[in-house]
Amino acid sequence: MRIISDNDIRTLGIEPRQCVEWVREAFLMKDRCQLPPKISLHPQGSDFINTMPCLLPEEYHRFGCKVVSRIKGTKPALKSEMMIVDSLTGETVAVMNCDWITAMRTGAVAALAISCLRNSNARIYSFVGLGVIGHTTLECLLPMIADSGCVVRLKRYEDHAEKTAVAFAERFPGITFEICDTMECLVADADVVVSCITDADGLLVEDVSLFKPGVLVVPVHTRGFQNCDKIFDRVFADDEGHVRGFRYFNEFKGFAELSQVLDGSDPGRENDCQRILSYNIGLGLHDILFGTKILEIIG
């Protein structure tokens, strides 16, 4: 059995573009996996410990289970480890730190959802929450829009927005960065709104009329946008089983999985006026495939 550390993975230098391709590959095999909904336990307050199993298709002969936690006040807030098993023998192949995997696959899924579901004239991309997941989402998304003259708005919090703008502006000079002090300023006229905050008390935007026709809202950690659930034209998610327990699931106007958009069985966005929600819950499928790919690279 191999022990794979966070540093072992980071030194491989895996590019964000590769991460996006891996999550695409994972979605396209989803219907051939055994993928039960994650089990989420709450030790105190809004803290959680999630258990996420998945059995990949037969040709991979891999089963894995990731345990991920978010405990308020810890840094980083999200921590995770994964066990990978040879499903032909039952042998544990590796135990792997998943901090990098969790962050990059989450950012890659958000970027892939944006590329599939944004309106055809998308120009203004707004972000709230600029921690680890906010940065990995930007890492995966910005190369896709680097030459399009887009505007990226960042919600001010301490000095995070300023530092993020400086860091990414140097790498992507074709993108204009703006900093907003309020959520109203952030979402007004935005084509894509991405929330990467891990905790929210109540709604982030009370007035849903601020979301213009054609907007795509991506609440990466699912919080703060429940007032959109019943009024947006379509809702997408990584997996139906993971969102079926949502309070307003039965009142979604139209629902499909992102994998159905990728394989062509669902049209996704049908016009540039639809307001769309994309709930990227996070699947053990992505973690296990990432772990399998990393083991192949390490050799």
C-alpha atoms as a PDB file:
ATOM      1  CA  MET A   1       0.000   0.000   0.000  1.00  0.00           C
ATOM      2  CA  ARG A   2       1.306   3.425  -0.953  1.00  0.00           C
ATOM      3  CA  ILE A   3       0.977   6.579   1.099  1.00  0.00           C
ATOM      4  CA  ILE A   4       0.597   9.606  -1.198  1.00  0.00           C
ATOM      5  CA  SER A   5       1.069  12.989   0.451  1.00  0.00           C
ATOM      6  CA  ASP A   6      -0.240  16.366  -0.615  1.00  0.00           C
ATOM      7  CA  ASN A   7       3.300  17.366  -1.554  1.00  0.00           C
ATOM      8  CA  ASP A   8       3.724  14.220  -3.690  1.00  0.00           C
ATOM      9  CA  ILE A   9       0.712  15.318  -5.732  1.00  0.00           C
ATOM     10  CA  ARG A  10       1.589  18.997  -6.001  1.00  0.00           C
ATOM     11  CA  THR A  11       5.102  18.273  -7.285  1.00  0.00           C
ATOM     12  CA  LEU A  12       3.570  16.522 -10.317  1.00  0.00           C
ATOM     13  CA  GLY A  13       2.609  19.941 -11.718  1.00  0.00           C
ATOM     14  CA  ILE A  14      -0.781  18.837 -13.070  1.00  0.00           C
ATOM     15  CA  GLU A  15      -2.274  21.695 -15.100  1.00  0.00           C
ATOM     16  CA  PRO A  16      -5.795  23.100 -14.536  1.00  0.00           C
ATOM     17  CA  ARG A  17      -6.693  22.251 -18.146  1.00  0.00           C
ATOM     18  CA  GLN A  18      -5.929  18.601 -17.396  1.00  0.00           C
ATOM     19  CA  CYS A  19      -8.174  18.743 -14.346  1.00  0.00           C
ATOM     20  CA  VAL A  20     -11.070  20.016 -16.478  1.00  0.00           C
ATOM     21  CA  GLU A  21     -10.556  17.137 -18.911  1.00  0.00           C
ATOM     22  CA  TRP A  22     -10.508  14.616 -16.065  1.00  0.00           C
ATOM     23  CA  VAL A  23     -13.810  15.835 -14.651  1.00  0.00           C
ATOM     24  CA  ARG A  24     -15.298  15.733 -18.153  1.00  0.00           C
ATOM     25  CA  GLU A  25     -14.118  12.122 -18.512  1.00  0.00           C
ATOM     26  CA  ALA A  26     -15.616  11.307 -15.110  1.00  0.00           C
ATOM     27  CA  PHE A  27     -19.018  12.774 -15.990  1.00  0.00           C
ATOM     28  CA  LEU A  28     -19.124  10.808 -19.241  1.00  0.00           C
ATOM     29  CA  MET A  29     -18.640   7.504 -17.374  1.00  0.00           C
ATOM     30  CA  LYS A  30     -21.018   8.392 -14.545  1.00  0.00           C
ATOM     31  CA  ASP A  31     -23.865   6.121 -15.662  1.00  0.00           C
ATOM     32  CA  ARG A  32     -21.506   3.120 -15.512  1.00  0.00           C
ATOM     33  CA  CYS A  33     -20.329   3.794 -11.951  1.00  0.00           C
ATOM     34  CA  GLN A  34     -21.775   2.738  -8.612  1.00  0.00           C
ATOM     35  CA  LEU A  35     -22.151   6.116  -6.953  1.00  0.00           C
ATOM     36  CA  PRO A  36     -24.359   6.344  -3.852  1.00  0.00           C
ATOM     37  CA  PRO A  37     -25.046   9.806  -2.436  1.00  0.00           C
ATOM     38  CA  LYS A  38     -22.467  10.984   0.072  1.00  0.00           C
ATOM     39  CA  ILE A  39     -23.172  10.546   3.775  1.00  0.00           C
ATOM     40  CA  SER A  40     -22.953  13.881   5.588  1.00  0.00           C
ATOM     41  CA  LEU A  41     -22.627  14.061   9.370  1.00  0.00           C
ATOM     42  CA  HIS A  42     -22.605  17.269  11.417  1.00  0.00           C
ATOM     43  CA  PRO A  43     -20.576  17.215  14.654  1.00  0.00           C
ATOM     44  CA  GLN A  44     -21.422  20.809  15.609  1.00  0.00           C
ATOM     45  CA  GLY A  45     -23.088  23.822  14.023  1.00  0.00           C
ATOM     46  CA  SER A  46     -22.527  23.964  10.269  1.00  0.00           C
ATOM     47  CA  ASP A  47     -19.394  21.789  10.413  1.00  0.00           C
ATOM     48  CA  PHE A  48     -19.534  18.545   8.444  1.00  0.00           C
ATOM     49  CA  ILE A  49     -17.748  15.264   7.854  1.00  0.00           C
ATOM     50  CA  ASN A  50     -18.683  13.632   4.543  1.00  0.00           C
ATOM     51  CA  THR A  51     -18.038  10.052   3.423  1.00  0.00           C
ATOM     52  CA  MET A  52     -17.954   9.670  -0.370  1.00  0.00           C
ATOM     53  CA  PRO A  53     -17.667   6.167  -1.929  1.00  0.00           C
ATOM     54  CA  CYS A  54     -17.552   5.291  -5.625  1.00  0.00           C
ATOM     55  CA  LEU A  55     -16.857   2.182  -7.711  1.00  0.00           C
ATOM     56  CA  LEU A  56     -15.458   3.048 -11.154  1.00  0.00           C
ATOM     57  CA  PRO A  57     -16.423   1.052 -14.294  1.00  0.00           C
ATOM     58  CA  GLU A  58     -15.042  -2.485 -14.594  1.00  0.00           C
ATOM     59  CA  GLU A  59     -12.068  -1.604 -16.793  1.00  0.00           C
ATOM     60  CA  TYR A  60     -10.602   0.611 -14.069  1.00  0.00           C
ATOM     61  CA  HIS A  61     -10.960  -2.038 -11.286  1.00  0.00           C
ATOM     62  CA  ARG A  62     -10.901   0.724  -8.701  1.00  0.00           C
ATOM     63  CA  PHE A  63     -13.057   1.464  -5.682  1.00  0.00           C
ATOM     64  CA  GLY A  64     -12.408   4.490  -3.523  1.00  0.00           C
ATOM     65  CA  CYS A  65     -13.798   6.289  -0.539  1.00  0.00           C
ATOM     66  CA  LYS A  66     -12.981   9.856   0.427  1.00  0.00           C
ATOM     67  CA  VAL A  67     -13.573  11.424   3.813  1.00  0.00           C
ATOM     68  CA  VAL A  68     -13.774  15.221   3.723  1.00  0.00           C
ATOM     69  CA  SER A  69     -14.379  17.586   6.609  1.00  0.00           C
ATOM     70  CA  ARG A  70     -15.015  21.279   7.123  1.00  0.00           C
ATOM     71  CA  ILE A  71     -14.479  22.415  10.689  1.00  0.00           C
ATOM     72  CA  LYS A  72     -14.947  26.132  11.342  1.00  0.00           C
ATOM     73  CA  GLY A  73     -11.788  27.933  12.389  1.00  0.00           C
ATOM     74  CA  THR A  74      -9.324  25.461  10.881  1.00  0.00           C
ATOM     75  CA  LYS A  75      -6.962  26.382   8.036  1.00  0.00           C
ATOM     76  CA  PRO A  76      -7.596  25.228   5.436  1.00  0.00           C
ATOM     77  CA  ALA A  77     -11.250  24.805   6.317  1.00  0.00           C
ATOM     78  CA  LEU A  78     -11.562  21.761   4.059  1.00  0.00           C
ATOM     79  CA  LYS A  79      -9.481  18.653   4.771  1.00  0.00           C
ATOM     80  CA  SER A  80      -9.703  15.286   3.064  1.00  0.00           C
ATOM     81  CA  GLU A  81      -8.143  11.851   2.661  1.00  0.00           C
ATOM     82  CA  MET A  82      -8.986   8.969   0.329  1.00  0.00           C
ATOM     83  CA  MET A  83      -8.533   5.201   0.266  1.00  0.00           C
ATOM     84  CA  ILE A  84      -8.199   3.493  -3.131  1.00  0.00           C
ATOM     85  CA  VAL A  85      -8.868  -0.237  -3.435  1.00  0.00           C
ATOM     86  CA  ASP A  86      -8.302  -2.744  -6.271  1.00  0.00           C
ATOM     87  CA  SER A  87     -11.862  -3.979  -6.817  1.00  0.00           C
ATOM     88  CA  LEU A  88     -10.615  -7.281  -8.327  1.00  0.00           C
ATOM     89  CA  THR A  89      -8.633  -8.289  -5.245  1.00  0.00           C
ATOM     90  CA  GLY A  90      -9.928  -6.099  -2.421  1.00  0.00           C
ATOM     91  CA  GLU A  91      -6.367  -4.931  -1.788  1.00  0.00           C
ATOM     92  CA  THR A  92      -5.883  -1.366  -0.593  1.00  0.00           C
ATOM     93  CA  VAL A  93      -3.680   0.189  -3.268  1.00  0.00           C
ATOM     94  CA  ALA A  94      -3.121   3.610  -1.703  1.00  0.00           C
ATOM     95  CA  VAL A  95      -4.114   6.059   0.967  1.00  0.00           C
ATOM     96  CA  MET A  96      -3.929   9.533  -0.475  1.00  0.00           C
ATOM     97  CA  ASN A  97      -4.176  13.053   0.864  1.00  0.00           C
ATOM     98  CA  CYS A  98      -6.976  14.768  -1.046  1.00  0.00           C
ATOM     99  CA  ASP A  99      -6.548  18.454  -0.214  1.00  0.00           C
ATOM    100  CA  TRP A 100      -5.235  19.293  -3.704  1.00  0.00           C
ATOM    101  CA  ILE A 101      -7.617  16.859  -5.404  1.00  0.00           C
ATOM    102  CA  THR A 102     -10.683  18.243  -3.616  1.00  0.00           C
ATOM    103  CA  ALA A 103      -9.768  21.820  -4.451  1.00  0.00           C
ATOM    104  CA  MET A 104      -8.844  21.240  -8.093  1.00  0.00           C
ATOM    105  CA  ARG A 105     -11.676  18.909  -9.030  1.00  0.00           C
ATOM    106  CA  THR A 106     -14.169  21.317  -7.417  1.00  0.00           C
ATOM    107  CA  GLY A 107     -12.772  24.253  -9.362  1.00  0.00           C
ATOM    108  CA  ALA A 108     -12.641  22.185 -12.544  1.00  0.00           C
ATOM    109  CA  VAL A 109     -16.280  21.066 -12.235  1.00  0.00           C
ATOM    110  CA  ALA A 110     -17.399  24.667 -11.689  1.00  0.00           C
ATOM    111  CA  ALA A 111     -15.395  25.843 -14.708  1.00  0.00           C
ATOM    112  CA  LEU A 112     -16.781  23.023 -16.856  1.00  0.00           C
ATOM    113  CA  ALA A 113     -20.353  23.823 -15.787  1.00  0.00           C
ATOM    114  CA  ILE A 114     -19.797  27.486 -16.637  1.00  0.00           C
ATOM    115  CA  SER A 115     -18.419  26.622 -20.070  1.00  0.00           C
ATOM    116  CA  CYS A 116     -21.464  24.430 -20.784  1.00  0.00           C
ATOM    117  CA  LEU A 117     -24.269  26.572 -19.327  1.00  0.00           C
ATOM    118  CA  ARG A 118     -23.327  30.272 -19.646  1.00  0.00           C
ATOM    119  CA  ASN A 119     -25.146  32.378 -22.223  1.00  0.00           C
ATOM    120  CA  SER A 120     -23.469  32.809 -25.586  1.00  0.00           C
ATOM    121  CA  ASN A 121     -22.647  36.473 -24.917  1.00  0.00           C
ATOM    122  CA  ALA A 122     -21.277  36.030 -21.394  1.00  0.00           C
ATOM    123  CA  ARG A 123     -18.870  38.825 -20.527  1.00  0.00           C
ATOM    124  CA  ILE A 124     -19.172  39.632 -16.790  1.00  0.00           C
ATOM    125  CA  TYR A 125     -18.143  36.910 -14.330  1.00  0.00           C
ATOM    126  CA  SER A 126     -18.711  37.644 -10.624  1.00  0.00           C
ATOM    127  CA  PHE A 127     -17.098  35.810  -7.708  1.00  0.00           C
ATOM    128  CA  VAL A 128     -17.814  35.812  -3.989  1.00  0.00           C
ATOM    129  CA  GLY A 129     -15.558  33.712  -1.770  1.00  0.00           C
ATOM    130  CA  LEU A 130     -11.883  33.870  -2.666  1.00  0.00           C
ATOM    131  CA  GLY A 131     -10.454  31.086  -0.555  1.00  0.00           C
ATOM    132  CA  VAL A 132      -8.924  27.889  -1.906  1.00  0.00           C
ATOM    133  CA  ILE A 133     -11.963  26.880  -3.992  1.00  0.00           C
ATOM    134  CA  GLY A 134     -12.459  30.378  -5.371  1.00  0.00           C
ATOM    135  CA  HIS A 135      -8.856  30.395  -6.549  1.00  0.00           C
ATOM    136  CA  THR A 136      -8.978  26.932  -8.129  1.00  0.00           C
ATOM    137  CA  THR A 137     -12.182  27.854  -9.966  1.00  0.00           C
ATOM    138  CA  LEU A 138     -10.444  30.934 -11.336  1.00  0.00           C
ATOM    139  CA  GLU A 139      -7.384  28.828 -12.220  1.00  0.00           C
ATOM    140  CA  CYS A 140      -9.565  26.525 -14.307  1.00  0.00           C
ATOM    141  CA  LEU A 141     -11.905  29.162 -15.772  1.00  0.00           C
ATOM    142  CA  LEU A 142      -9.630  32.058 -16.700  1.00  0.00           C
ATOM    143  CA  PRO A 143      -7.677  30.200 -19.417  1.00  0.00           C
ATOM    144  CA  MET A 144     -11.040  29.560 -21.113  1.00  0.00           C
ATOM    145  CA  ILE A 145     -11.932  33.273 -21.248  1.00  0.00           C
ATOM    146  CA  ALA A 146      -8.464  34.852 -21.327  1.00  0.00           C
ATOM    147  CA  ASP A 147      -8.774  36.252 -24.854  1.00  0.00           C
ATOM    148  CA  SER A 148     -12.420  37.319 -24.752  1.00  0.00           C
ATOM    149  CA  GLY A 149     -12.104  40.772 -23.152  1.00  0.00           C
ATOM    150  CA  CYS A 150     -14.161  39.706 -20.148  1.00  0.00           C
ATOM    151  CA  VAL A 151     -14.659  41.400 -16.800  1.00  0.00           C
ATOM    152  CA  VAL A 152     -14.132  39.461 -13.568  1.00  0.00           C
ATOM    153  CA  ARG A 153     -15.755  41.019 -10.513  1.00  0.00           C
ATOM    154  CA  LEU A 154     -14.518  40.083  -7.047  1.00  0.00           C
ATOM    155  CA  LYS A 155     -16.438  40.647  -3.807  1.00  0.00           C
ATOM    156  CA  ARG A 156     -14.321  42.557  -1.318  1.00  0.00           C
ATOM    157  CA  TYR A 157     -13.435  40.727   1.906  1.00  0.00           C
ATOM    158  CA  GLU A 158     -10.469  41.874   3.962  1.00  0.00           C
ATOM    159  CA  ASP A 159      -7.659  42.126   1.367  1.00  0.00           C
ATOM    160  CA  HIS A 160      -8.496  38.922  -0.515  1.00  0.00           C
ATOM    161  CA  ALA A 161     -10.010  40.593  -3.578  1.00  0.00           C
ATOM    162  CA  GLU A 162      -7.103  42.986  -4.058  1.00  0.00           C
ATOM    163  CA  LYS A 163      -4.518  40.222  -3.781  1.00  0.00           C
ATOM    164  CA  THR A 164      -6.469  37.949  -6.109  1.00  0.00           C
ATOM    165  CA  ALA A 165      -6.890  40.681  -8.717  1.00  0.00           C
ATOM    166  CA  VAL A 166      -3.175  41.510  -8.711  1.00  0.00           C
ATOM    167  CA  ALA A 167      -2.095  37.872  -8.923  1.00  0.00           C
ATOM    168  CA  PHE A 168      -4.378  36.934 -11.807  1.00  0.00           C
ATOM    169  CA  ALA A 169      -4.091  40.231 -13.717  1.00  0.00           C
ATOM    170  CA  GLU A 170      -0.384  39.596 -14.177  1.00  0.00           C
ATOM    171  CA  ARG A 171      -1.093  36.226 -15.766  1.00  0.00           C
ATOM    172  CA  PHE A 172      -4.208  37.198 -17.737  1.00  0.00           C
ATOM    173  CA  PRO A 173      -3.708  40.776 -18.978  1.00  0.00           C
ATOM    174  CA  GLY A 174      -6.675  40.512 -21.345  1.00  0.00           C
ATOM    175  CA  ILE A 175      -9.126  40.283 -18.446  1.00  0.00           C
ATOM    176  CA  THR A 176     -10.356  43.337 -16.519  1.00  0.00           C
ATOM    177  CA  PHE A 177     -10.719  42.889 -12.753  1.00  0.00           C
ATOM    178  CA  GLU A 178     -13.171  44.916 -10.673  1.00  0.00           C
ATOM    179  CA  ILE A 179     -13.791  44.869  -6.929  1.00  0.00           C
ATOM    180  CA  CYS A 180     -17.298  45.251  -5.492  1.00  0.00           C
ATOM    181  CA  ASP A 181     -18.225  46.190  -1.937  1.00  0.00           C
ATOM    182  CA  THR A 182     -21.778  44.796  -1.981  1.00  0.00           C
ATOM    183  CA  MET A 183     -23.531  41.728  -3.312  1.00  0.00           C
ATOM    184  CA  GLU A 184     -25.930  43.991  -5.196  1.00  0.00           C
ATOM    185  CA  CYS A 185     -23.030  45.564  -7.084  1.00  0.00           C
ATOM    186  CA  LEU A 186     -21.507  42.143  -7.671  1.00  0.00           C
ATOM    187  CA  VAL A 187     -24.528  40.507  -9.311  1.00  0.00           C
ATOM    188  CA  ALA A 188     -26.083  43.462 -11.152  1.00  0.00           C
ATOM    189  CA  ASP A 189     -25.791  42.798 -14.910  1.00  0.00           C
ATOM    190  CA  ALA A 190     -23.514  39.802 -14.297  1.00  0.00           C
ATOM    191  CA  ASP A 191     -23.714  36.947 -16.785  1.00  0.00           C
ATOM    192  CA  VAL A 192     -22.196  34.382 -14.421  1.00  0.00           C
ATOM    193  CA  VAL A 193     -22.297  34.522 -10.602  1.00  0.00           C
ATOM    194  CA  VAL A 194     -20.064  32.082  -8.736  1.00  0.00           C
ATOM    195  CA  SER A 195     -20.202  31.628  -4.964  1.00  0.00           C
ATOM    196  CA  CYS A 196     -17.337  29.733  -3.335  1.00  0.00           C
ATOM    197  CA  ILE A 197     -18.116  30.574   0.273  1.00  0.00           C
ATOM    198  CA  THR A 198     -18.299  27.531   2.552  1.00  0.00           C
ATOM    199  CA  ASP A 199     -20.833  28.931   5.006  1.00  0.00           C
ATOM    200  CA  ALA A 200     -23.757  31.340   4.702  1.00  0.00           C
ATOM    201  CA  ASP A 201     -26.412  32.468   7.147  1.00  0.00           C
ATOM    202  CA  GLY A 202     -29.487  33.148   5.051  1.00  0.00           C
ATOM    203  CA  LEU A 203     -29.656  34.449   1.502  1.00  0.00           C
ATOM    204  CA  LEU A 204     -26.768  36.185  -0.218  1.00  0.00           C
ATOM    205  CA  VAL A 205     -29.013  38.186  -2.563  1.00  0.00           C
ATOM    206  CA  GLU A 206     -32.507  38.967  -1.267  1.00  0.00           C
ATOM    207  CA  ASP A 207     -33.781  40.655  -4.446  1.00  0.00           C
ATOM    208  CA  VAL A 208     -33.874  38.015  -7.179  1.00  0.00           C
ATOM    209  CA  SER A 209     -34.741  40.681  -9.769  1.00  0.00           C
ATOM    210  CA  LEU A 210     -31.060  41.646  -9.677  1.00  0.00           C
ATOM    211  CA  PHE A 211     -30.302  38.447 -11.586  1.00  0.00           C
ATOM    212  CA  LYS A 212     -30.706  39.441 -15.207  1.00  0.00           C
ATOM    213  CA  PRO A 213     -32.197  37.224 -17.934  1.00  0.00           C
ATOM    214  CA  GLY A 214     -29.574  34.780 -19.141  1.00  0.00           C
ATOM    215  CA  VAL A 215     -27.633  34.671 -15.873  1.00  0.00           C
ATOM    216  CA  LEU A 216     -25.935  31.482 -14.688  1.00  0.00           C
ATOM    217  CA  VAL A 217     -25.572  31.132 -10.902  1.00  0.00           C
ATOM    218  CA  VAL A 218     -23.096  28.543  -9.607  1.00  0.00           C
ATOM    219  CA  PRO A 219     -23.316  28.082  -5.812  1.00  0.00           C
ATOM    220  CA  VAL A 220     -20.304  25.782  -5.434  1.00  0.00           C
ATOM    221  CA  HIS A 221     -21.152  24.900  -1.820  1.00  0.00           C
ATOM    222  CA  THR A 222     -24.936  25.122  -2.463  1.00  0.00           C
ATOM    223  CA  ARG A 223     -25.564  27.857   0.124  1.00  0.00           C
ATOM    224  CA  GLY A 224     -27.226  31.253  -0.103  1.00  0.00           C
ATOM    225  CA  PHE A 225     -29.346  31.077  -3.267  1.00  0.00           C
ATOM    226  CA  GLN A 226     -32.398  29.019  -2.276  1.00  0.00           C
ATOM    227  CA  ASN A 227     -34.685  31.895  -3.290  1.00  0.00           C
ATOM    228  CA  CYS A 228     -33.687  31.167  -6.887  1.00  0.00           C
ATOM    229  CA  ASP A 229     -34.666  27.482  -6.756  1.00  0.00           C
ATOM    230  CA  LYS A 230     -38.333  27.952  -7.611  1.00  0.00           C
ATOM    231  CA  ILE A 231     -38.077  30.819 -10.075  1.00  0.00           C
ATOM    232  CA  PHE A 232     -35.054  30.098 -12.269  1.00  0.00           C
ATOM    233  CA  ASP A 233     -35.849  28.426 -15.575  1.00  0.00           C
ATOM    234  CA  ARG A 234     -33.567  25.410 -15.195  1.00  0.00           C
ATOM    235  CA  VAL A 235     -31.523  23.736 -12.472  1.00  0.00           C
ATOM    236  CA  PHE A 236     -28.562  21.436 -13.094  1.00  0.00           C
ATOM    237  CA  ALA A 237     -26.503  19.352 -10.686  1.00  0.00           C
ATOM    238  CA  ASP A 238     -23.723  16.797 -10.641  1.00  0.00           C
ATOM    239  CA  ASP A 239     -26.086  14.057  -9.503  1.00  0.00           C
ATOM    240  CA  GLU A 240     -29.829  13.879  -8.839  1.00  0.00           C
ATOM    241  CA  GLY A 241     -29.442  11.699  -5.762  1.00  0.00           C
ATOM    242  CA  HIS A 242     -27.313  14.345  -4.090  1.00  0.00           C
ATOM    243  CA  VAL A 243     -29.903  17.132  -4.506  1.00  0.00           C
ATOM    244  CA  ARG A 244     -33.187  15.223  -4.232  1.00  0.00           C
ATOM    245  CA  GLY A 245     -33.330  16.132  -0.560  1.00  0.00           C
ATOM    246  CA  PHE A 246     -33.181  19.876  -1.270  1.00  0.00           C
ATOM    247  CA  ARG A 247     -36.185  21.700   0.153  1.00  0.00           C
ATOM    248  CA  TYR A 248     -37.450  22.920  -3.216  1.00  0.00           C
ATOM    249  CA  PHE A 249     -36.325  20.017  -5.415  1.00  0.00           C
ATOM    250  CA  ASN A 250     -39.889  19.114  -6.416  1.00  0.00           C
ATOM    251  CA  GLU A 251     -40.517  22.722  -7.402  1.00  0.00           C
ATOM    252  CA  PHE A 252     -37.589  23.093  -9.814  1.00  0.00           C
ATOM    253  CA  LYS A 253     -39.018  24.208 -13.176  1.00  0.00           C
ATOM    254  CA  GLY A 254     -36.666  21.929 -15.062  1.00  0.00           C
ATOM    255  CA  PHE A 255     -33.893  19.646 -13.819  1.00  0.00           C
ATOM    256  CA  ALA A 256     -31.073  17.664 -15.436  1.00  0.00           C
ATOM    257  CA  GLU A 257     -27.625  16.412 -14.586  1.00  0.00           C
ATOM    258  CA  LEU A 258     -24.522  18.018 -16.078  1.00  0.00           C
ATOM    259  CA  SER A 259     -23.474  14.625 -17.446  1.00  0.00           C
ATOM    260  CA  GLN A 260     -26.626  14.649 -19.605  1.00  0.00           C
ATOM    261  CA  VAL A 261     -25.576  17.959 -21.120  1.00  0.00           C
ATOM    262  CA  LEU A 262     -22.089  16.620 -21.820  1.00  0.00           C
ATOM    263  CA  ASP A 263     -23.326  13.431 -23.494  1.00  0.00           C
ATOM    264  CA  GLY A 264     -25.946  15.292 -25.540  1.00  0.00           C
ATOM    265  CA  SER A 265     -29.044  13.702 -23.985  1.00  0.00           C
ATOM    266  CA  ASP A 266     -30.141  17.073 -22.542  1.00  0.00           C
ATOM    267  CA  PRO A 267     -29.907  20.377 -24.454  1.00  0.00           C
ATOM    268  CA  GLY A 268     -28.653  22.323 -21.442  1.00  0.00           C
ATOM    269  CA  ARG A 269     -29.216  26.027 -21.983  1.00  0.00           C
ATOM    270  CA  GLU A 270     -31.936  26.434 -24.600  1.00  0.00           C
ATOM    271  CA  ASN A 271     -31.705  30.189 -25.127  1.00  0.00           C
ATOM    272  CA  ASP A 272     -29.816  33.244 -23.890  1.00  0.00           C
ATOM    273  CA  CYS A 273     -32.701  34.443 -21.731  1.00  0.00           C
ATOM    274  CA  GLN A 274     -32.952  31.461 -19.407  1.00  0.00           C
ATOM    275  CA  ARG A 275     -31.827  31.975 -15.831  1.00  0.00           C
ATOM    276  CA  ILE A 276     -29.994  28.857 -14.722  1.00  0.00           C
ATOM    277  CA  LEU A 277     -28.707  27.406 -11.439  1.00  0.00           C
ATOM    278  CA  SER A 278     -25.889  24.858 -11.403  1.00  0.00           C
ATOM    279  CA  TYR A 279     -25.417  23.028  -8.113  1.00  0.00           C
ATOM    280  CA  ASN A 280     -21.966  21.440  -8.192  1.00  0.00           C
ATOM    281  CA  ILE A 281     -22.261  19.205  -5.148  1.00  0.00           C
ATOM    282  CA  GLY A 282     -18.977  17.340  -5.550  1.00  0.00           C
ATOM    283  CA  LEU A 283     -18.829  13.637  -6.361  1.00  0.00           C
ATOM    284  CA  GLY A 284     -16.589  10.871  -5.085  1.00  0.00           C
ATOM    285  CA  LEU A 285     -16.435   9.828  -8.735  1.00  0.00           C
ATOM    286  CA  HIS A 286     -14.193  12.789  -9.522  1.00  0.00           C
ATOM    287  CA  ASP A 287     -11.960  12.156  -6.534  1.00  0.00           C
ATOM    288  CA  ILE A 288     -11.483   8.469  -7.322  1.00  0.00           C
ATOM    289  CA  LEU A 289     -10.746   9.130 -10.993  1.00  0.00           C
ATOM    290  CA  PHE A 290      -8.259  11.868 -10.053  1.00  0.00           C
ATOM    291  CA  GLY A 291      -6.601   9.471  -7.605  1.00  0.00           C
ATOM    292  CA  THR A 292      -6.436   6.755 -10.263  1.00  0.00           C
ATOM    293  CA  LYS A 293      -4.879   9.148 -12.785  1.00  0.00           C
ATOM    294  CA  ILE A 294      -2.354  10.367 -10.211  1.00  0.00           C
ATOM    295  CA  LEU A 295      -1.294   6.800  -9.390  1.00  0.00           C
ATOM    296  CA  GLU A 296      -0.782   6.179 -13.127  1.00  0.00           C
ATOM    297  CA  ILE A 297       1.447   9.274 -13.377  1.00  0.00           C
ATOM    298  CA  ILE A 298       3.477   8.346 -10.314  1.00  0.00           C
ATOM    299  CA  GLY A 299       3.903   4.812 -11.686  1.00  0.00           C
END
